[in-house]
N, C-alpha and C. Protein backbone atom coordinates (compact mmCIF):
# COMPACT_ATOMS: atom_id res chain seq x y z
N MET A 1 35.74 13.04 -72.50
CA MET A 1 36.11 11.96 -71.61
C MET A 1 37.57 12.16 -71.22
N ARG A 2 37.88 11.98 -69.95
CA ARG A 2 39.23 12.21 -69.46
C ARG A 2 39.97 10.89 -69.24
N VAL A 3 40.08 10.08 -70.23
CA VAL A 3 40.87 8.87 -70.14
C VAL A 3 42.25 9.23 -70.65
N SER A 4 43.21 9.25 -69.74
CA SER A 4 44.53 9.77 -70.08
C SER A 4 45.37 8.80 -70.90
N ASN A 5 45.01 7.55 -70.92
CA ASN A 5 45.83 6.56 -71.59
C ASN A 5 44.92 5.49 -72.20
N PRO A 6 45.02 5.27 -73.51
CA PRO A 6 44.13 4.28 -74.13
C PRO A 6 44.40 2.86 -73.68
N PHE A 7 45.49 2.62 -72.98
CA PHE A 7 45.81 1.27 -72.53
C PHE A 7 45.33 1.01 -71.11
N MET A 8 44.43 1.87 -70.61
CA MET A 8 43.93 1.72 -69.25
C MET A 8 43.21 0.39 -69.05
N ALA A 9 42.67 -0.16 -70.11
CA ALA A 9 41.94 -1.43 -69.99
C ALA A 9 42.84 -2.56 -69.52
N ALA A 10 44.13 -2.43 -69.71
CA ALA A 10 45.05 -3.48 -69.32
C ALA A 10 45.44 -3.41 -67.85
N LEU A 11 45.00 -2.38 -67.15
CA LEU A 11 45.36 -2.24 -65.74
C LEU A 11 44.69 -3.32 -64.91
N PRO A 12 45.31 -3.66 -63.78
CA PRO A 12 44.70 -4.65 -62.89
C PRO A 12 43.34 -4.18 -62.38
N SER A 13 42.71 -5.02 -61.62
CA SER A 13 41.32 -4.83 -61.23
C SER A 13 41.10 -3.73 -60.19
N ARG A 14 42.01 -2.80 -60.04
CA ARG A 14 41.82 -1.70 -59.09
C ARG A 14 41.41 -0.41 -59.79
N THR A 15 41.03 -0.50 -61.05
CA THR A 15 40.57 0.67 -61.78
C THR A 15 39.14 1.01 -61.36
N VAL A 16 38.94 2.27 -60.98
CA VAL A 16 37.62 2.75 -60.56
C VAL A 16 37.23 3.90 -61.46
N LEU A 17 36.10 3.77 -62.10
CA LEU A 17 35.56 4.83 -62.93
C LEU A 17 34.72 5.74 -62.04
N VAL A 18 35.11 7.01 -61.97
CA VAL A 18 34.40 8.00 -61.17
C VAL A 18 33.60 8.86 -62.14
N VAL A 19 32.28 8.71 -62.12
CA VAL A 19 31.41 9.47 -63.02
C VAL A 19 30.77 10.56 -62.17
N GLU A 20 31.34 11.76 -62.27
CA GLU A 20 30.97 12.88 -61.39
C GLU A 20 31.24 14.19 -62.11
N ASP A 21 30.22 15.06 -62.19
CA ASP A 21 30.40 16.32 -62.93
C ASP A 21 30.82 17.49 -62.06
N ASP A 22 30.75 17.36 -60.74
CA ASP A 22 31.19 18.44 -59.87
C ASP A 22 32.71 18.37 -59.73
N PRO A 23 33.44 19.41 -60.20
CA PRO A 23 34.91 19.35 -60.20
C PRO A 23 35.52 19.12 -58.82
N ALA A 24 34.98 19.75 -57.80
CA ALA A 24 35.55 19.60 -56.46
C ALA A 24 35.36 18.17 -55.93
N ILE A 25 34.17 17.63 -56.12
CA ILE A 25 33.91 16.26 -55.65
C ILE A 25 34.68 15.26 -56.49
N GLY A 26 34.74 15.47 -57.80
CA GLY A 26 35.51 14.59 -58.67
C GLY A 26 36.98 14.55 -58.27
N HIS A 27 37.54 15.72 -58.00
CA HIS A 27 38.95 15.80 -57.58
C HIS A 27 39.15 15.09 -56.24
N MET A 28 38.24 15.34 -55.30
CA MET A 28 38.35 14.71 -53.99
C MET A 28 38.26 13.19 -54.10
N LEU A 29 37.31 12.70 -54.89
CA LEU A 29 37.15 11.25 -55.05
C LEU A 29 38.37 10.61 -55.71
N THR A 30 38.86 11.22 -56.77
CA THR A 30 40.01 10.63 -57.47
C THR A 30 41.26 10.67 -56.59
N THR A 31 41.43 11.75 -55.85
CA THR A 31 42.58 11.83 -54.95
C THR A 31 42.48 10.78 -53.85
N LEU A 32 41.32 10.68 -53.24
CA LEU A 32 41.09 9.70 -52.18
C LEU A 32 41.35 8.28 -52.69
N LEU A 33 40.80 7.97 -53.85
CA LEU A 33 40.99 6.63 -54.41
C LEU A 33 42.45 6.33 -54.74
N ALA A 34 43.14 7.33 -55.29
CA ALA A 34 44.56 7.14 -55.61
C ALA A 34 45.38 6.89 -54.35
N VAL A 35 45.10 7.64 -53.30
CA VAL A 35 45.81 7.46 -52.02
C VAL A 35 45.56 6.07 -51.46
N GLU A 36 44.37 5.54 -51.70
CA GLU A 36 44.01 4.21 -51.21
C GLU A 36 44.53 3.09 -52.12
N GLY A 37 45.24 3.43 -53.18
CA GLY A 37 45.84 2.42 -54.05
C GLY A 37 45.02 2.03 -55.26
N TYR A 38 43.92 2.73 -55.50
CA TYR A 38 43.11 2.47 -56.69
C TYR A 38 43.62 3.31 -57.86
N ARG A 39 43.14 3.00 -59.04
CA ARG A 39 43.48 3.76 -60.25
C ARG A 39 42.21 4.44 -60.75
N PRO A 40 41.94 5.65 -60.23
CA PRO A 40 40.69 6.32 -60.62
C PRO A 40 40.78 6.98 -61.98
N ILE A 41 39.67 6.96 -62.68
CA ILE A 41 39.54 7.66 -63.95
C ILE A 41 38.28 8.52 -63.82
N LEU A 42 38.45 9.83 -63.94
CA LEU A 42 37.33 10.76 -63.78
C LEU A 42 36.67 11.03 -65.13
N ILE A 43 35.37 10.85 -65.15
CA ILE A 43 34.54 11.15 -66.31
C ILE A 43 33.45 12.10 -65.83
N VAL A 44 33.21 13.19 -66.58
CA VAL A 44 32.27 14.21 -66.11
C VAL A 44 30.92 14.21 -66.82
N ASP A 45 30.69 13.24 -67.69
CA ASP A 45 29.48 13.19 -68.50
C ASP A 45 28.96 11.75 -68.52
N GLY A 46 27.65 11.59 -68.39
CA GLY A 46 27.07 10.26 -68.34
C GLY A 46 27.29 9.42 -69.59
N LEU A 47 27.14 10.02 -70.77
CA LEU A 47 27.36 9.27 -72.02
C LEU A 47 28.81 8.82 -72.15
N GLU A 48 29.73 9.72 -71.82
CA GLU A 48 31.14 9.36 -71.89
C GLU A 48 31.49 8.31 -70.83
N GLY A 49 30.83 8.41 -69.69
CA GLY A 49 31.04 7.41 -68.65
C GLY A 49 30.59 6.03 -69.09
N LEU A 50 29.47 5.97 -69.77
CA LEU A 50 28.97 4.69 -70.27
C LEU A 50 29.93 4.11 -71.30
N ALA A 51 30.44 4.95 -72.19
CA ALA A 51 31.40 4.50 -73.20
C ALA A 51 32.68 3.99 -72.52
N ALA A 52 33.13 4.72 -71.50
CA ALA A 52 34.34 4.31 -70.78
C ALA A 52 34.11 2.99 -70.04
N ALA A 53 32.94 2.81 -69.47
CA ALA A 53 32.63 1.55 -68.77
C ALA A 53 32.68 0.38 -69.74
N GLN A 54 32.14 0.59 -70.94
CA GLN A 54 32.14 -0.49 -71.94
C GLN A 54 33.56 -0.78 -72.42
N LEU A 55 34.35 0.25 -72.61
CA LEU A 55 35.72 0.08 -73.11
C LEU A 55 36.65 -0.51 -72.05
N LEU A 56 36.57 0.01 -70.83
CA LEU A 56 37.54 -0.32 -69.80
C LEU A 56 37.13 -1.46 -68.88
N HIS A 57 35.83 -1.71 -68.79
CA HIS A 57 35.29 -2.68 -67.83
C HIS A 57 36.02 -2.56 -66.48
N PRO A 58 35.81 -1.41 -65.80
CA PRO A 58 36.52 -1.17 -64.54
C PRO A 58 36.07 -2.12 -63.43
N ALA A 59 36.84 -2.17 -62.37
CA ALA A 59 36.49 -3.00 -61.23
C ALA A 59 35.27 -2.46 -60.51
N LEU A 60 35.06 -1.13 -60.61
CA LEU A 60 33.98 -0.47 -59.88
C LEU A 60 33.67 0.86 -60.54
N ILE A 61 32.42 1.30 -60.39
CA ILE A 61 32.00 2.63 -60.85
C ILE A 61 31.38 3.36 -59.67
N THR A 62 31.84 4.60 -59.42
CA THR A 62 31.10 5.48 -58.53
C THR A 62 30.31 6.41 -59.45
N LEU A 63 29.04 6.59 -59.14
CA LEU A 63 28.14 7.27 -60.08
C LEU A 63 27.29 8.32 -59.38
N ASP A 64 27.41 9.56 -59.86
CA ASP A 64 26.50 10.62 -59.46
C ASP A 64 25.21 10.41 -60.26
N LEU A 65 24.10 10.91 -59.77
CA LEU A 65 22.84 10.75 -60.50
C LEU A 65 22.51 11.94 -61.38
N SER A 66 22.98 13.12 -61.00
CA SER A 66 22.72 14.33 -61.76
C SER A 66 23.94 14.62 -62.64
N LEU A 67 23.84 14.25 -63.90
CA LEU A 67 24.98 14.35 -64.82
C LEU A 67 24.54 14.96 -66.15
N PRO A 68 25.45 15.66 -66.83
CA PRO A 68 25.15 16.09 -68.20
C PRO A 68 25.26 14.90 -69.16
N GLY A 69 24.62 15.02 -70.28
CA GLY A 69 24.71 13.98 -71.32
C GLY A 69 23.77 12.83 -71.11
N LEU A 70 23.82 12.22 -69.95
CA LEU A 70 22.99 11.08 -69.61
C LEU A 70 22.96 11.00 -68.09
N ASP A 71 21.78 11.11 -67.49
CA ASP A 71 21.75 11.10 -66.03
C ASP A 71 22.06 9.70 -65.50
N GLY A 72 22.32 9.64 -64.20
CA GLY A 72 22.72 8.38 -63.58
C GLY A 72 21.67 7.29 -63.65
N PHE A 73 20.39 7.67 -63.67
CA PHE A 73 19.32 6.68 -63.76
C PHE A 73 19.37 5.97 -65.12
N LYS A 74 19.47 6.75 -66.18
CA LYS A 74 19.56 6.16 -67.53
C LYS A 74 20.89 5.44 -67.72
N PHE A 75 21.95 5.95 -67.09
CA PHE A 75 23.25 5.29 -67.12
C PHE A 75 23.11 3.85 -66.60
N LEU A 76 22.46 3.70 -65.46
CA LEU A 76 22.26 2.36 -64.89
C LEU A 76 21.46 1.45 -65.82
N ASP A 77 20.40 2.00 -66.41
CA ASP A 77 19.58 1.21 -67.34
C ASP A 77 20.41 0.73 -68.53
N ARG A 78 21.18 1.61 -69.09
CA ARG A 78 21.99 1.25 -70.27
C ARG A 78 23.17 0.36 -69.90
N LEU A 79 23.73 0.56 -68.72
CA LEU A 79 24.84 -0.29 -68.27
C LEU A 79 24.38 -1.74 -68.19
N ASP A 80 23.17 -1.95 -67.70
CA ASP A 80 22.64 -3.32 -67.62
C ASP A 80 22.56 -3.97 -68.99
N ARG A 81 22.24 -3.19 -70.01
CA ARG A 81 22.15 -3.75 -71.36
C ARG A 81 23.52 -4.08 -71.93
N LEU A 82 24.57 -3.46 -71.38
CA LEU A 82 25.93 -3.74 -71.85
C LEU A 82 26.53 -4.98 -71.19
N ASP A 83 25.95 -5.39 -70.05
CA ASP A 83 26.48 -6.55 -69.34
C ASP A 83 26.53 -7.77 -70.24
N GLN A 84 27.63 -8.46 -70.19
CA GLN A 84 27.81 -9.68 -70.96
C GLN A 84 27.66 -10.88 -70.03
N PRO A 85 27.00 -11.95 -70.48
CA PRO A 85 26.78 -13.10 -69.60
C PRO A 85 28.07 -13.77 -69.13
N ASP A 86 29.14 -13.66 -69.93
CA ASP A 86 30.39 -14.32 -69.56
C ASP A 86 31.32 -13.42 -68.75
N GLU A 87 30.89 -12.19 -68.44
CA GLU A 87 31.70 -11.27 -67.65
C GLU A 87 30.95 -10.90 -66.38
N PRO A 88 31.69 -10.69 -65.29
CA PRO A 88 31.00 -10.27 -64.06
C PRO A 88 30.40 -8.88 -64.22
N ARG A 89 29.30 -8.67 -63.57
CA ARG A 89 28.63 -7.36 -63.57
C ARG A 89 29.52 -6.35 -62.83
N ILE A 90 29.65 -5.16 -63.40
CA ILE A 90 30.46 -4.12 -62.77
C ILE A 90 29.70 -3.57 -61.57
N PRO A 91 30.32 -3.62 -60.37
CA PRO A 91 29.67 -3.03 -59.21
C PRO A 91 29.57 -1.51 -59.36
N VAL A 92 28.44 -0.97 -58.92
CA VAL A 92 28.20 0.47 -59.00
C VAL A 92 27.84 0.97 -57.60
N ILE A 93 28.50 2.06 -57.20
CA ILE A 93 28.15 2.74 -55.96
C ILE A 93 27.61 4.11 -56.33
N ILE A 94 26.38 4.37 -55.95
CA ILE A 94 25.78 5.68 -56.18
C ILE A 94 26.34 6.64 -55.13
N VAL A 95 26.84 7.79 -55.59
CA VAL A 95 27.32 8.85 -54.71
C VAL A 95 26.59 10.12 -55.16
N SER A 96 25.50 10.46 -54.46
CA SER A 96 24.64 11.52 -54.95
C SER A 96 23.81 12.14 -53.82
N ALA A 97 23.39 13.35 -54.03
CA ALA A 97 22.46 14.00 -53.11
C ALA A 97 21.03 13.59 -53.40
N TYR A 98 20.78 12.92 -54.51
CA TYR A 98 19.42 12.60 -54.96
C TYR A 98 19.08 11.13 -54.81
N THR A 99 19.62 10.48 -53.80
CA THR A 99 19.41 9.04 -53.66
C THR A 99 17.96 8.68 -53.34
N ASP A 100 17.18 9.63 -52.84
CA ASP A 100 15.78 9.35 -52.54
C ASP A 100 14.95 9.14 -53.80
N GLN A 101 15.50 9.48 -54.96
CA GLN A 101 14.79 9.33 -56.23
C GLN A 101 15.04 7.99 -56.91
N LEU A 102 15.89 7.16 -56.33
CA LEU A 102 16.18 5.85 -56.92
C LEU A 102 14.96 4.93 -56.85
N THR A 103 14.69 4.23 -57.93
CA THR A 103 13.60 3.27 -57.96
C THR A 103 14.04 1.97 -57.29
N VAL A 104 13.09 1.10 -57.05
CA VAL A 104 13.40 -0.21 -56.46
C VAL A 104 14.36 -0.97 -57.37
N ASP A 105 14.14 -0.92 -58.68
CA ASP A 105 15.01 -1.62 -59.63
C ASP A 105 16.43 -1.05 -59.59
N HIS A 106 16.55 0.26 -59.53
CA HIS A 106 17.88 0.87 -59.46
C HIS A 106 18.57 0.49 -58.15
N ARG A 107 17.83 0.51 -57.06
CA ARG A 107 18.42 0.13 -55.76
C ARG A 107 18.90 -1.32 -55.79
N ALA A 108 18.17 -2.17 -56.47
CA ALA A 108 18.56 -3.58 -56.55
C ALA A 108 19.81 -3.76 -57.41
N ARG A 109 20.03 -2.87 -58.36
CA ARG A 109 21.17 -2.99 -59.28
C ARG A 109 22.49 -2.57 -58.66
N VAL A 110 22.46 -1.63 -57.72
CA VAL A 110 23.71 -1.05 -57.23
C VAL A 110 24.23 -1.80 -56.01
N SER A 111 25.55 -1.69 -55.81
CA SER A 111 26.19 -2.34 -54.67
C SER A 111 26.00 -1.56 -53.38
N ALA A 112 25.95 -0.23 -53.50
CA ALA A 112 25.78 0.62 -52.32
C ALA A 112 25.26 1.98 -52.76
N ILE A 113 24.67 2.68 -51.81
CA ILE A 113 24.17 4.03 -52.04
C ILE A 113 24.76 4.92 -50.95
N VAL A 114 25.48 5.96 -51.38
CA VAL A 114 26.10 6.90 -50.45
C VAL A 114 25.53 8.27 -50.75
N THR A 115 24.88 8.85 -49.76
CA THR A 115 24.24 10.14 -49.95
C THR A 115 25.20 11.28 -49.62
N LYS A 116 25.28 12.25 -50.53
CA LYS A 116 26.09 13.45 -50.30
C LYS A 116 25.34 14.37 -49.33
N PRO A 117 26.03 15.03 -48.42
CA PRO A 117 27.44 14.87 -48.10
C PRO A 117 27.66 13.53 -47.39
N PHE A 118 28.86 13.00 -47.51
CA PHE A 118 29.14 11.68 -46.97
C PHE A 118 30.44 11.68 -46.18
N GLU A 119 30.59 10.68 -45.36
CA GLU A 119 31.83 10.45 -44.62
C GLU A 119 32.76 9.62 -45.49
N ILE A 120 34.00 10.00 -45.56
CA ILE A 120 34.98 9.29 -46.38
C ILE A 120 35.06 7.82 -46.00
N GLU A 121 35.07 7.54 -44.71
CA GLU A 121 35.17 6.15 -44.26
C GLU A 121 33.97 5.32 -44.72
N THR A 122 32.81 5.94 -44.78
CA THR A 122 31.62 5.23 -45.27
C THR A 122 31.82 4.82 -46.73
N LEU A 123 32.27 5.76 -47.55
CA LEU A 123 32.51 5.45 -48.96
C LEU A 123 33.58 4.38 -49.12
N LEU A 124 34.69 4.52 -48.40
CA LEU A 124 35.75 3.52 -48.51
C LEU A 124 35.27 2.14 -48.07
N GLY A 125 34.44 2.09 -47.05
CA GLY A 125 33.88 0.81 -46.62
C GLY A 125 32.99 0.19 -47.69
N CYS A 126 32.20 1.02 -48.36
CA CYS A 126 31.35 0.53 -49.45
C CYS A 126 32.18 0.02 -50.62
N ILE A 127 33.25 0.72 -50.94
CA ILE A 127 34.14 0.29 -52.03
C ILE A 127 34.78 -1.04 -51.70
N SER A 128 35.30 -1.16 -50.47
CA SER A 128 35.93 -2.43 -50.05
C SER A 128 34.94 -3.59 -50.09
N ALA A 129 33.72 -3.32 -49.62
CA ALA A 129 32.70 -4.38 -49.63
C ALA A 129 32.33 -4.76 -51.06
N ALA A 130 32.18 -3.79 -51.94
CA ALA A 130 31.79 -4.08 -53.33
C ALA A 130 32.87 -4.87 -54.06
N LEU A 131 34.13 -4.60 -53.71
CA LEU A 131 35.23 -5.29 -54.38
C LEU A 131 35.67 -6.55 -53.63
N GLY A 132 35.04 -6.79 -52.49
CA GLY A 132 35.41 -7.98 -51.71
C GLY A 132 36.78 -7.89 -51.10
N THR A 133 37.19 -6.67 -50.73
CA THR A 133 38.54 -6.48 -50.18
C THR A 133 38.52 -6.08 -48.71
N ASN A 134 37.38 -6.25 -48.04
CA ASN A 134 37.34 -5.85 -46.63
C ASN A 134 37.68 -6.99 -45.72
């Protein structure tokens, strides 16, 4: 897990957990998010991403579906079990080439679905909408 600082949980609500195993896409997403004023944290493994989500409770998660450790489908299932009734549900944006494989339940759980390859403005619009900042 690439959490550079254990005190990341104290950051304001602009923390975005990027769960992506492709180094080029992960770098592009984290750079884009940082330029836009977010605090991205890149995680390259589904299990580590789930642990980071539980620890950090980020404002948003971008999630690839094809991941080592735990794929994005199982990540979503387990994330739902971590939700606490007294805390808001973490918005999730799927960023994947395999979006056609999402079930109805998975589609209902996520805030947006962005199919790779994608337009940067499309992703930024989805992030703004999910965070209520548009």
